């Protein structure tokens, strides 16, 4: 990632490092289910015993996961509210029903799903 980094904990908390580290479930990546792809690729359950619940929470709860970009021009972004057309498109790309998509993306829906 960034082999020359050697930050103290307080520097990490202040995000003194170069780049961004977005994580599933946060504003830049609101879909928690993307953690499932990470688990398939990295197998942290086998490597270090990190568990992923059916609601995509990590155990132990102190665990973190994310995508790490060290590029100096990388920036955080936030996904705003999304419309029905975006939900439809996302559902097709994920192979989900509209109801599944609305369930997982409920916090960012720009409409009432009921």
PDB file of N, CA and C in Angstrom:
ATOM      1  N   UNK A   1       0.842  -1.197   0.000  1.00  0.00           N
ATOM      2  CA  UNK A   1       0.000   0.000   0.000  1.00  0.00           C
ATOM      3  C   UNK A   1       0.872   1.240   0.000  1.00  0.00           C
ATOM      4  N   UNK A   2       1.565   1.479   1.056  1.00  0.00           N
ATOM      5  CA  UNK A   2       2.467   2.629   1.153  1.00  0.00           C
ATOM      6  C   UNK A   2       3.629   2.198   2.046  1.00  0.00           C
ATOM      7  N   UNK A   3       4.624   1.538   1.467  1.00  0.00           N
ATOM      8  CA  UNK A   3       5.680   0.909   2.260  1.00  0.00           C
ATOM      9  C   UNK A   3       6.499   1.850   3.139  1.00  0.00           C
ATOM     10  N   UNK A   4       6.509   3.125   2.838  1.00  0.00           N
ATOM     11  CA  UNK A   4       7.308   4.054   3.639  1.00  0.00           C
ATOM     12  C   UNK A   4       6.534   4.689   4.786  1.00  0.00           C
ATOM     13  N   UNK A   5       5.273   4.306   4.943  1.00  0.00           N
ATOM     14  CA  UNK A   5       4.482   4.849   6.050  1.00  0.00           C
ATOM     15  C   UNK A   5       4.925   4.219   7.363  1.00  0.00           C
ATOM     16  N   UNK A   6       5.038   5.059   8.369  1.00  0.00           N
ATOM     17  CA  UNK A   6       5.363   4.575   9.709  1.00  0.00           C
ATOM     18  C   UNK A   6       4.763   5.561  10.703  1.00  0.00           C
ATOM     19  N   UNK A   7       3.434   5.533  10.809  1.00  0.00           N
ATOM     20  CA  UNK A   7       2.732   6.504  11.632  1.00  0.00           C
ATOM     21  C   UNK A   7       2.425   5.963  13.016  1.00  0.00           C
ATOM     22  N   UNK A   8       2.442   6.852  13.979  1.00  0.00           N
ATOM     23  CA  UNK A   8       1.996   6.522  15.331  1.00  0.00           C
ATOM     24  C   UNK A   8       0.467   6.473  15.322  1.00  0.00           C
ATOM     25  N   UNK A   9      -0.122   5.853  16.324  1.00  0.00           N
ATOM     26  CA  UNK A   9      -1.582   5.721  16.383  1.00  0.00           C
ATOM     27  C   UNK A   9      -2.298   7.061  16.295  1.00  0.00           C
ATOM     28  N   UNK A  10      -1.796   8.085  16.988  1.00  0.00           N
ATOM     29  CA  UNK A  10      -2.472   9.384  16.949  1.00  0.00           C
ATOM     30  C   UNK A  10      -2.425   9.994  15.547  1.00  0.00           C
ATOM     31  N   UNK A  11      -1.355   9.740  14.798  1.00  0.00           N
ATOM     32  CA  UNK A  11      -1.271  10.235  13.423  1.00  0.00           C
ATOM     33  C   UNK A  11      -2.262   9.499  12.517  1.00  0.00           C
ATOM     34  N   UNK A  12      -2.432   8.208  12.757  1.00  0.00           N
ATOM     35  CA  UNK A  12      -3.410   7.442  11.981  1.00  0.00           C
ATOM     36  C   UNK A  12      -4.819   7.938  12.251  1.00  0.00           C
ATOM     37  N   UNK A  13      -5.122   8.208  13.509  1.00  0.00           N
ATOM     38  CA  UNK A  13      -6.445   8.712  13.877  1.00  0.00           C
ATOM     39  C   UNK A  13      -6.707  10.064  13.219  1.00  0.00           C
ATOM     40  N   UNK A  14      -5.677  10.891  13.116  1.00  0.00           N
ATOM     41  CA  UNK A  14      -5.806  12.205  12.470  1.00  0.00           C
ATOM     42  C   UNK A  14      -5.770  12.098  10.942  1.00  0.00           C
ATOM     43  N   UNK A  15      -5.660  10.867  10.437  1.00  0.00           N
ATOM     44  CA  UNK A  15      -5.591  10.603   9.000  1.00  0.00           C
ATOM     45  C   UNK A  15      -4.444  11.355   8.336  1.00  0.00           C
ATOM     46  N   UNK A  16      -3.264  11.277   8.948  1.00  0.00           N
ATOM     47  CA  UNK A  16      -2.086  11.937   8.409  1.00  0.00           C
ATOM     48  C   UNK A  16      -1.509  11.202   7.199  1.00  0.00           C
ATOM     49  N   UNK A  17      -1.942   9.997   6.960  1.00  0.00           N
ATOM     50  CA  UNK A  17      -1.432   9.196   5.856  1.00  0.00           C
ATOM     51  C   UNK A  17      -1.877   9.761   4.510  1.00  0.00           C
ATOM     52  N   UNK A  18      -1.167   9.350   3.467  1.00  0.00           N
ATOM     53  CA  UNK A  18      -1.493   9.767   2.110  1.00  0.00           C
ATOM     54  C   UNK A  18      -2.603   8.878   1.565  1.00  0.00           C
ATOM     55  N   UNK A  19      -3.552   9.466   0.861  1.00  0.00           N
ATOM     56  CA  UNK A  19      -4.598   8.693   0.221  1.00  0.00           C
ATOM     57  C   UNK A  19      -5.874   8.621   1.025  1.00  0.00           C
ATOM     58  N   UNK A  20      -6.739   7.685   0.629  1.00  0.00           N
ATOM     59  CA  UNK A  20      -8.020   7.489   1.297  1.00  0.00           C
ATOM     60  C   UNK A  20      -8.210   6.007   1.591  1.00  0.00           C
ATOM     61  N   UNK A  21      -9.067   5.747   2.562  1.00  0.00           N
ATOM     62  CA  UNK A  21      -9.348   4.371   2.973  1.00  0.00           C
ATOM     63  C   UNK A  21     -10.852   4.194   3.184  1.00  0.00           C
ATOM     64  N   UNK A  22     -11.631   4.259   2.101  1.00  0.00           N
ATOM     65  CA  UNK A  22     -13.080   4.103   2.239  1.00  0.00           C
ATOM     66  C   UNK A  22     -13.450   2.664   2.604  1.00  0.00           C
ATOM     67  N   UNK A  23     -14.566   2.511   3.286  1.00  0.00           N
ATOM     68  CA  UNK A  23     -14.993   1.191   3.746  1.00  0.00           C
ATOM     69  C   UNK A  23     -16.470   0.963   3.455  1.00  0.00           C
ATOM     70  N   UNK A  24     -16.848  -0.286   3.185  1.00  0.00           N
ATOM     71  CA  UNK A  24     -18.262  -0.596   2.973  1.00  0.00           C
ATOM     72  C   UNK A  24     -19.106  -0.183   4.176  1.00  0.00           C
ATOM     73  N   UNK A  25     -20.233   0.443   3.879  1.00  0.00           N
ATOM     74  CA  UNK A  25     -21.134   0.894   4.936  1.00  0.00           C
ATOM     75  C   UNK A  25     -20.966   2.357   5.286  1.00  0.00           C
ATOM     76  N   UNK A  26     -19.936   2.990   4.754  1.00  0.00           N
ATOM     77  CA  UNK A  26     -19.703   4.407   5.007  1.00  0.00           C
ATOM     78  C   UNK A  26     -20.142   5.213   3.785  1.00  0.00           C
ATOM     79  N   UNK A  27     -20.204   6.548   3.884  1.00  0.00           N
ATOM     80  CA  UNK A  27     -20.789   7.362   2.809  1.00  0.00           C
ATOM     81  C   UNK A  27     -20.263   7.119   1.397  1.00  0.00           C
ATOM     82  N   UNK A  28     -18.983   6.810   1.241  1.00  0.00           N
ATOM     83  CA  UNK A  28     -18.456   6.584  -0.103  1.00  0.00           C
ATOM     84  C   UNK A  28     -18.848   5.221  -0.664  1.00  0.00           C
ATOM     85  N   UNK A  29     -19.163   4.287   0.203  1.00  0.00           N
ATOM     86  CA  UNK A  29     -19.471   2.896  -0.189  1.00  0.00           C
ATOM     87  C   UNK A  29     -20.595   2.368   0.689  1.00  0.00           C
ATOM     88  N   UNK A  30     -21.820   2.832   0.517  1.00  0.00           N
ATOM     89  CA  UNK A  30     -22.877   2.505   1.471  1.00  0.00           C
ATOM     90  C   UNK A  30     -23.348   1.050   1.487  1.00  0.00           C
ATOM     91  N   UNK A  31     -22.963   0.243   0.519  1.00  0.00           N
ATOM     92  CA  UNK A  31     -23.427  -1.142   0.442  1.00  0.00           C
ATOM     93  C   UNK A  31     -22.539  -2.069   1.275  1.00  0.00           C
ATOM     94  N   UNK A  32     -23.038  -2.490   2.434  1.00  0.00           N
ATOM     95  CA  UNK A  32     -22.288  -3.400   3.316  1.00  0.00           C
ATOM     96  C   UNK A  32     -21.998  -4.744   2.660  1.00  0.00           C
ATOM     97  N   UNK A  33     -22.818  -5.165   1.708  1.00  0.00           N
ATOM     98  CA  UNK A  33     -22.634  -6.498   1.129  1.00  0.00           C
ATOM     99  C   UNK A  33     -21.344  -6.620   0.328  1.00  0.00           C
ATOM    100  N   UNK A  34     -20.724  -5.510  -0.011  1.00  0.00           N
ATOM    101  CA  UNK A  34     -19.449  -5.564  -0.725  1.00  0.00           C
ATOM    102  C   UNK A  34     -18.363  -6.230   0.122  1.00  0.00           C
ATOM    103  N   UNK A  35     -18.562  -6.266   1.442  1.00  0.00           N
ATOM    104  CA  UNK A  35     -17.614  -6.989   2.300  1.00  0.00           C
ATOM    105  C   UNK A  35     -17.559  -8.462   1.920  1.00  0.00           C
ATOM    106  N   UNK A  36     -18.672  -9.009   1.427  1.00  0.00           N
ATOM    107  CA  UNK A  36     -18.689 -10.411   1.011  1.00  0.00           C
ATOM    108  C   UNK A  36     -17.666 -10.699  -0.074  1.00  0.00           C
ATOM    109  N   UNK A  37     -17.498  -9.761  -0.993  1.00  0.00           N
ATOM    110  CA  UNK A  37     -16.496  -9.916  -2.055  1.00  0.00           C
ATOM    111  C   UNK A  37     -15.101  -9.913  -1.448  1.00  0.00           C
ATOM    112  N   UNK A  38     -14.864  -9.017  -0.498  1.00  0.00           N
ATOM    113  CA  UNK A  38     -13.563  -8.990   0.184  1.00  0.00           C
ATOM    114  C   UNK A  38     -13.279 -10.339   0.843  1.00  0.00           C
ATOM    115  N   UNK A  39     -14.298 -10.890   1.492  1.00  0.00           N
ATOM    116  CA  UNK A  39     -14.126 -12.177   2.188  1.00  0.00           C
ATOM    117  C   UNK A  39     -13.806 -13.296   1.202  1.00  0.00           C
ATOM    118  N   UNK A  40     -14.470 -13.285   0.046  1.00  0.00           N
ATOM    119  CA  UNK A  40     -14.196 -14.302  -0.967  1.00  0.00           C
ATOM    120  C   UNK A  40     -12.757 -14.209  -1.465  1.00  0.00           C
ATOM    121  N   UNK A  41     -12.282 -12.994  -1.673  1.00  0.00           N
ATOM    122  CA  UNK A  41     -10.938 -12.796  -2.212  1.00  0.00           C
ATOM    123  C   UNK A  41      -9.835 -13.010  -1.179  1.00  0.00           C
ATOM    124  N   UNK A  42     -10.014 -12.453   0.009  1.00  0.00           N
ATOM    125  CA  UNK A  42      -8.942 -12.439   1.009  1.00  0.00           C
ATOM    126  C   UNK A  42      -9.022 -13.561   2.036  1.00  0.00           C
ATOM    127  N   UNK A  43     -10.197 -14.131   2.214  1.00  0.00           N
ATOM    128  CA  UNK A  43     -10.427 -15.212   3.175  1.00  0.00           C
ATOM    129  C   UNK A  43      -9.896 -14.898   4.583  1.00  0.00           C
ATOM    130  N   UNK A  44     -10.284 -13.747   5.143  1.00  0.00           N
ATOM    131  CA  UNK A  44      -9.795 -13.393   6.480  1.00  0.00           C
ATOM    132  C   UNK A  44     -10.308 -14.327   7.571  1.00  0.00           C
ATOM    133  N   UNK A  45     -11.413 -15.016   7.308  1.00  0.00           N
ATOM    134  CA  UNK A  45     -11.900 -15.992   8.284  1.00  0.00           C
ATOM    135  C   UNK A  45     -10.901 -17.129   8.434  1.00  0.00           C
ATOM    136  N   UNK A  46     -10.322 -17.576   7.328  1.00  0.00           N
ATOM    137  CA  UNK A  46      -9.327 -18.644   7.365  1.00  0.00           C
ATOM    138  C   UNK A  46      -7.968 -18.131   7.840  1.00  0.00           C
ATOM    139  N   UNK A  47      -7.591 -16.939   7.389  1.00  0.00           N
ATOM    140  CA  UNK A  47      -6.259 -16.412   7.692  1.00  0.00           C
ATOM    141  C   UNK A  47      -6.106 -15.944   9.133  1.00  0.00           C
ATOM    142  N   UNK A  48      -7.105 -15.210   9.643  1.00  0.00           N
ATOM    143  CA  UNK A  48      -6.950 -14.631  10.987  1.00  0.00           C
ATOM    144  C   UNK A  48      -8.179 -14.801  11.868  1.00  0.00           C
ATOM    145  N   UNK A  49      -9.160 -15.571  11.413  1.00  0.00           N
ATOM    146  CA  UNK A  49     -10.341 -15.833  12.234  1.00  0.00           C
ATOM    147  C   UNK A  49     -11.358 -14.715  12.275  1.00  0.00           C
ATOM    148  N   UNK A  50     -11.266 -13.764  11.356  1.00  0.00           N
ATOM    149  CA  UNK A  50     -12.216 -12.654  11.297  1.00  0.00           C
ATOM    150  C   UNK A  50     -13.530 -13.161  10.723  1.00  0.00           C
ATOM    151  N   UNK A  51     -14.616 -12.891  11.400  1.00  0.00           N
ATOM    152  CA  UNK A  51     -15.930 -13.396  10.993  1.00  0.00           C
ATOM    153  C   UNK A  51     -16.781 -12.288  10.389  1.00  0.00           C
ATOM    154  N   UNK A  52     -17.683 -12.694   9.509  1.00  0.00           N
ATOM    155  CA  UNK A  52     -18.633 -11.786   8.881  1.00  0.00           C
ATOM    156  C   UNK A  52     -20.020 -12.356   9.130  1.00  0.00           C
ATOM    157  N   UNK A  53     -20.890 -11.570   9.766  1.00  0.00           N
ATOM    158  CA  UNK A  53     -22.235 -12.054  10.079  1.00  0.00           C
ATOM    159  C   UNK A  53     -23.127 -11.977   8.846  1.00  0.00           C
ATOM    160  N   UNK A  54     -24.331 -12.534   8.938  1.00  0.00           N
ATOM    161  CA  UNK A  54     -25.246 -12.491   7.793  1.00  0.00           C
ATOM    162  C   UNK A  54     -25.716 -11.075   7.480  1.00  0.00           C
ATOM    163  N   UNK A  55     -25.554 -10.152   8.435  1.00  0.00           N
ATOM    164  CA  UNK A  55     -25.873  -8.748   8.169  1.00  0.00           C
ATOM    165  C   UNK A  55     -24.614  -7.958   7.793  1.00  0.00           C
ATOM    166  N   UNK A  56     -23.513  -8.672   7.576  1.00  0.00           N
ATOM    167  CA  UNK A  56     -22.234  -8.118   7.140  1.00  0.00           C
ATOM    168  C   UNK A  56     -21.525  -7.283   8.202  1.00  0.00           C
ATOM    169  N   UNK A  57     -21.842  -7.528   9.452  1.00  0.00           N
ATOM    170  CA  UNK A  57     -21.063  -6.943  10.547  1.00  0.00           C
ATOM    171  C   UNK A  57     -19.823  -7.814  10.730  1.00  0.00           C
ATOM    172  N   UNK A  58     -18.732  -7.207  11.157  1.00  0.00           N
ATOM    173  CA  UNK A  58     -17.491  -7.951  11.366  1.00  0.00           C
ATOM    174  C   UNK A  58     -17.316  -8.287  12.842  1.00  0.00           C
ATOM    175  N   UNK A  59     -16.740  -9.464  13.087  1.00  0.00           N
ATOM    176  CA  UNK A  59     -16.433  -9.887  14.449  1.00  0.00           C
ATOM    177  C   UNK A  59     -15.018 -10.432  14.469  1.00  0.00           C
ATOM    178  N   UNK A  60     -14.179  -9.983  15.383  1.00  0.00           N
ATOM    179  CA  UNK A  60     -14.508  -9.096  16.496  1.00  0.00           C
ATOM    180  C   UNK A  60     -14.855  -7.687  16.024  1.00  0.00           C
ATOM    181  N   UNK A  61     -15.588  -6.998  16.867  1.00  0.00           N
ATOM    182  CA  UNK A  61     -16.127  -5.689  16.483  1.00  0.00           C
ATOM    183  C   UNK A  61     -15.057  -4.622  16.290  1.00  0.00           C
ATOM    184  N   UNK A  62     -13.846  -4.851  16.760  1.00  0.00           N
ATOM    185  CA  UNK A  62     -12.759  -3.889  16.560  1.00  0.00           C
ATOM    186  C   UNK A  62     -12.149  -4.008  15.162  1.00  0.00           C
ATOM    187  N   UNK A  63     -12.595  -4.982  14.378  1.00  0.00           N
ATOM    188  CA  UNK A  63     -12.047  -5.199  13.041  1.00  0.00           C
ATOM    189  C   UNK A  63     -12.457  -4.079  12.090  1.00  0.00           C
ATOM    190  N   UNK A  64     -11.621  -3.839  11.101  1.00  0.00           N
ATOM    191  CA  UNK A  64     -11.922  -2.868  10.048  1.00  0.00           C
ATOM    192  C   UNK A  64     -11.608  -3.500   8.693  1.00  0.00           C
ATOM    193  N   UNK A  65     -12.301  -3.043   7.679  1.00  0.00           N
ATOM    194  CA  UNK A  65     -12.004  -3.469   6.313  1.00  0.00           C
ATOM    195  C   UNK A  65     -12.276  -2.287   5.398  1.00  0.00           C
ATOM    196  N   UNK A  66     -11.653  -2.292   4.247  1.00  0.00           N
ATOM    197  CA  UNK A  66     -11.877  -1.205   3.314  1.00  0.00           C
ATOM    198  C   UNK A  66     -11.000  -1.330   2.094  1.00  0.00           C
ATOM    199  N   UNK A  67     -11.112  -0.350   1.237  1.00  0.00           N
ATOM    200  CA  UNK A  67     -10.254  -0.253   0.064  1.00  0.00           C
ATOM    201  C   UNK A  67      -9.257   0.858   0.363  1.00  0.00           C
ATOM    202  N   UNK A  68      -8.003   0.625   0.038  1.00  0.00           N
ATOM    203  CA  UNK A  68      -6.937   1.549   0.405  1.00  0.00           C
ATOM    204  C   UNK A  68      -6.292   2.096  -0.862  1.00  0.00           C
ATOM    205  N   UNK A  69      -6.342   3.412  -1.003  1.00  0.00           N
ATOM    206  CA  UNK A  69      -5.783   4.088  -2.168  1.00  0.00           C
ATOM    207  C   UNK A  69      -4.743   5.102  -1.702  1.00  0.00           C
ATOM    208  N   UNK A  70      -3.495   4.901  -2.098  1.00  0.00           N
ATOM    209  CA  UNK A  70      -2.412   5.767  -1.634  1.00  0.00           C
ATOM    210  C   UNK A  70      -2.133   6.940  -2.568  1.00  0.00           C
ATOM    211  N   UNK A  71      -2.866   7.083  -3.626  1.00  0.00           N
ATOM    212  CA  UNK A  71      -2.599   8.164  -4.577  1.00  0.00           C
ATOM    213  C   UNK A  71      -2.774   9.519  -3.889  1.00  0.00           C
ATOM    214  N   UNK A  72      -1.831  10.439  -4.073  1.00  0.00           N
ATOM    215  CA  UNK A  72      -1.909  11.728  -3.373  1.00  0.00           C
ATOM    216  C   UNK A  72      -3.110  12.584  -3.760  1.00  0.00           C
ATOM    217  N   UNK A  73      -3.715  12.345  -4.904  1.00  0.00           N
ATOM    218  CA  UNK A  73      -4.870  13.138  -5.313  1.00  0.00           C
ATOM    219  C   UNK A  73      -6.202  12.447  -5.007  1.00  0.00           C
ATOM    220  N   UNK A  74      -6.153  11.282  -4.380  1.00  0.00           N
ATOM    221  CA  UNK A  74      -7.409  10.601  -4.053  1.00  0.00           C
ATOM    222  C   UNK A  74      -8.159  11.392  -2.992  1.00  0.00           C
ATOM    223  N   UNK A  75      -9.492  11.345  -3.067  1.00  0.00           N
ATOM    224  CA  UNK A  75     -10.339  12.103  -2.149  1.00  0.00           C
ATOM    225  C   UNK A  75     -11.534  11.257  -1.732  1.00  0.00           C
ATOM    226  N   UNK A  76     -12.014  11.512  -0.524  1.00  0.00           N
ATOM    227  CA  UNK A  76     -13.247  10.872  -0.082  1.00  0.00           C
ATOM    228  C   UNK A  76     -14.428  11.514  -0.793  1.00  0.00           C
ATOM    229  N   UNK A  77     -15.485  10.755  -0.944  1.00  0.00           N
ATOM    230  CA  UNK A  77     -16.720  11.277  -1.502  1.00  0.00           C
ATOM    231  C   UNK A  77     -17.865  10.635  -0.742  1.00  0.00           C
ATOM    232  N   UNK A  78     -19.027  11.165  -0.911  1.00  0.00           N
ATOM    233  CA  UNK A  78     -20.203  10.583  -0.277  1.00  0.00           C
ATOM    234  C   UNK A  78     -21.278  10.344  -1.315  1.00  0.00           C
ATOM    235  N   UNK A  79     -21.910   9.205  -1.247  1.00  0.00           N
ATOM    236  CA  UNK A  79     -23.024   8.911  -2.142  1.00  0.00           C
ATOM    237  C   UNK A  79     -24.266   9.522  -1.516  1.00  0.00           C
ATOM    238  N   UNK A  80     -24.938  10.381  -2.254  1.00  0.00           N
ATOM    239  CA  UNK A  80     -26.160  11.004  -1.747  1.00  0.00           C
ATOM    240  C   UNK A  80     -27.355  10.091  -1.915  1.00  0.00           C
ATOM    241  N   UNK A  81     -28.524  10.656  -1.803  1.00  0.00           N
ATOM    242  CA  UNK A  81     -29.760   9.896  -1.977  1.00  0.00           C
ATOM    243  C   UNK A  81     -29.874   9.438  -3.430  1.00  0.00           C
ATOM    244  N   UNK A  82     -30.373   8.227  -3.612  1.00  0.00           N
ATOM    245  CA  UNK A  82     -30.496   7.674  -4.960  1.00  0.00           C
ATOM    246  C   UNK A  82     -31.959   7.470  -5.326  1.00  0.00           C
ATOM    247  N   UNK A  83     -32.234   7.542  -6.624  1.00  0.00           N
ATOM    248  CA  UNK A  83     -33.599   7.401  -7.123  1.00  0.00           C
ATOM    249  C   UNK A  83     -33.921   5.977  -7.552  1.00  0.00           C
ATOM    250  N   UNK A  84     -35.162   5.765  -7.920  1.00  0.00           N
ATOM    251  CA  UNK A  84     -35.625   4.433  -8.345  1.00  0.00           C
ATOM    252  C   UNK A  84     -34.848   3.924  -9.559  1.00  0.00           C
ATOM    253  N   UNK A  85     -34.509   4.819 -10.485  1.00  0.00           N
ATOM    254  CA  UNK A  85     -33.760   4.390 -11.663  1.00  0.00           C
ATOM    255  C   UNK A  85     -32.385   3.851 -11.279  1.00  0.00           C
ATOM    256  N   UNK A  86     -31.748   4.472 -10.283  1.00  0.00           N
ATOM    257  CA  UNK A  86     -30.445   4.005  -9.828  1.00  0.00           C
ATOM    258  C   UNK A  86     -30.565   2.681  -9.077  1.00  0.00           C
ATOM    259  N   UNK A  87     -31.629   2.534  -8.303  1.00  0.00           N
ATOM    260  CA  UNK A  87     -31.875   1.274  -7.595  1.00  0.00           C
ATOM    261  C   UNK A  87     -32.095   0.155  -8.606  1.00  0.00           C
ATOM    262  N   UNK A  88     -32.868   0.425  -9.638  1.00  0.00           N
ATOM    263  CA  UNK A  88     -33.123  -0.568 -10.682  1.00  0.00           C
ATOM    264  C   UNK A  88     -31.818  -0.992 -11.353  1.00  0.00           C
ATOM    265  N   UNK A  89     -30.982  -0.034 -11.704  1.00  0.00           N
ATOM    266  CA  UNK A  89     -29.703  -0.322 -12.344  1.00  0.00           C
ATOM    267  C   UNK A  89     -28.798  -1.131 -11.414  1.00  0.00           C
ATOM    268  N   UNK A  90     -28.728  -0.727 -10.159  1.00  0.00           N
ATOM    269  CA  UNK A  90     -27.871  -1.422  -9.193  1.00  0.00           C
ATOM    270  C   UNK A  90     -28.366  -2.849  -8.972  1.00  0.00           C
ATOM    271  N   UNK A  91     -29.669  -3.023  -8.872  1.00  0.00           N
ATOM    272  CA  UNK A  91     -30.249  -4.359  -8.686  1.00  0.00           C
ATOM    273  C   UNK A  91     -29.860  -5.275  -9.844  1.00  0.00           C
ATOM    274  N   UNK A  92     -29.922  -4.768 -11.045  1.00  0.00           N
ATOM    275  CA  UNK A  92     -29.543  -5.571 -12.214  1.00  0.00           C
ATOM    276  C   UNK A  92     -28.070  -5.956 -12.155  1.00  0.00           C
ATOM    277  N   UNK A  93     -27.209  -5.018 -11.806  1.00  0.00           N
ATOM    278  CA  UNK A  93     -25.773  -5.306 -11.752  1.00  0.00           C
ATOM    279  C   UNK A  93     -25.408  -6.276 -10.638  1.00  0.00           C
ATOM    280  N   UNK A  94     -26.140  -6.231  -9.527  1.00  0.00           N
ATOM    281  CA  UNK A  94     -25.872  -7.130  -8.402  1.00  0.00           C
ATOM    282  C   UNK A  94     -26.600  -8.468  -8.540  1.00  0.00           C
ATOM    283  N   UNK A  95     -27.584  -8.545  -9.446  1.00  0.00           N
ATOM    284  CA  UNK A  95     -28.383  -9.758  -9.575  1.00  0.00           C
ATOM    285  C   UNK A  95     -29.398  -9.903  -8.457  1.00  0.00           C
ATOM    286  N   UNK A  96     -29.874  -8.782  -7.951  1.00  0.00           N
ATOM    287  CA  UNK A  96     -30.829  -8.744  -6.842  1.00  0.00           C
ATOM    288  C   UNK A  96     -32.207  -8.340  -7.339  1.00  0.00           C
ATOM    289  N   UNK A  97     -33.203  -8.589  -6.487  1.00  0.00           N
ATOM    290  CA  UNK A  97     -34.534  -8.043  -6.725  1.00  0.00           C
ATOM    291  C   UNK A  97     -34.522  -6.579  -6.273  1.00  0.00           C
ATOM    292  N   UNK A  98     -35.536  -5.845  -6.674  1.00  0.00           N
ATOM    293  CA  UNK A  98     -35.660  -4.454  -6.220  1.00  0.00           C
ATOM    294  C   UNK A  98     -35.802  -4.417  -4.701  1.00  0.00           C
ATOM    295  N   UNK A  99     -36.586  -5.334  -4.142  1.00  0.00           N
ATOM    296  CA  UNK A  99     -36.791  -5.370  -2.683  1.00  0.00           C
ATOM    297  C   UNK A  99     -35.479  -5.606  -1.940  1.00  0.00           C
ATOM    298  N   UNK A 100     -34.642  -6.527  -2.435  1.00  0.00           N
ATOM    299  CA  UNK A 100     -33.337  -6.771  -1.801  1.00  0.00           C
ATOM    300  C   UNK A 100     -32.469  -5.517  -1.854  1.00  0.00           C
ATOM    301  N   UNK A 101     -32.478  -4.887  -3.007  1.00  0.00           N
ATOM    302  CA  UNK A 101     -31.663  -3.688  -3.192  1.00  0.00           C
ATOM    303  C   UNK A 101     -32.132  -2.580  -2.268  1.00  0.00           C
ATOM    304  N   UNK A 102     -33.435  -2.383  -2.181  1.00  0.00           N
ATOM    305  CA  UNK A 102     -33.969  -1.353  -1.288  1.00  0.00           C
ATOM    306  C   UNK A 102     -33.647  -1.674   0.169  1.00  0.00           C
ATOM    307  N   UNK A 103     -33.647  -2.938   0.531  1.00  0.00           N
ATOM    308  CA  UNK A 103     -33.312  -3.328   1.911  1.00  0.00           C
ATOM    309  C   UNK A 103     -31.870  -2.949   2.249  1.00  0.00           C
ATOM    310  N   UNK A 104     -30.939  -3.319   1.371  1.00  0.00           N
ATOM    311  CA  UNK A 104     -29.531  -3.064   1.660  1.00  0.00           C
ATOM    312  C   UNK A 104     -29.151  -1.593   1.515  1.00  0.00           C
ATOM    313  N   UNK A 105     -29.850  -0.881   0.666  1.00  0.00           N
ATOM    314  CA  UNK A 105     -29.515   0.531   0.432  1.00  0.00           C
ATOM    315  C   UNK A 105     -30.511   1.489   1.081  1.00  0.00           C
ATOM    316  N   UNK A 106     -31.317   0.998   2.003  1.00  0.00           N
ATOM    317  CA  UNK A 106     -32.363   1.812   2.639  1.00  0.00           C
ATOM    318  C   UNK A 106     -31.885   3.178   3.129  1.00  0.00           C
ATOM    319  N   UNK A 107     -30.709   3.288   3.759  1.00  0.00           N
ATOM    320  CA  UNK A 107     -30.294   4.604   4.268  1.00  0.00           C
ATOM    321  C   UNK A 107     -30.063   5.665   3.191  1.00  0.00           C
ATOM    322  N   UNK A 108     -29.857   5.234   1.952  1.00  0.00           N
ATOM    323  CA  UNK A 108     -29.576   6.235   0.912  1.00  0.00           C
ATOM    324  C   UNK A 108     -30.688   6.346  -0.126  1.00  0.00           C
ATOM    325  N   UNK A 109     -31.821   5.692   0.114  1.00  0.00           N
ATOM    326  CA  UNK A 109     -32.933   5.811  -0.834  1.00  0.00           C
ATOM    327  C   UNK A 109     -33.499   7.229  -0.810  1.00  0.00           C
ATOM    328  N   UNK A 110     -33.713   7.778  -1.987  1.00  0.00           N
ATOM    329  CA  UNK A 110     -34.288   9.111  -2.103  1.00  0.00           C
ATOM    330  C   UNK A 110     -35.794   9.079  -2.236  1.00  0.00           C
ATOM    331  N   UNK A 111     -36.404   7.981  -1.843  1.00  0.00           N
ATOM    332  CA  UNK A 111     -37.854   7.814  -1.931  1.00  0.00           C
ATOM    333  C   UNK A 111     -38.293   6.825  -0.862  1.00  0.00           C
ATOM    334  N   UNK A 112     -39.593   6.759  -0.625  1.00  0.00           N
ATOM    335  CA  UNK A 112     -40.146   5.816   0.346  1.00  0.00           C
ATOM    336  C   UNK A 112     -40.368   4.485  -0.363  1.00  0.00           C
ATOM    337  N   UNK A 113     -39.691   3.440   0.096  1.00  0.00           N
ATOM    338  CA  UNK A 113     -39.760   2.132  -0.567  1.00  0.00           C
ATOM    339  C   UNK A 113     -41.061   1.395  -0.311  1.00  0.00           C
ATOM    340  N   UNK A 114     -41.860   1.840   0.629  1.00  0.00           N
ATOM    341  CA  UNK A 114     -43.105   1.120   0.956  1.00  0.00           C
ATOM    342  C   UNK A 114     -44.181   1.310  -0.060  1.00  0.00           C
TER     343      UNK A 114
END
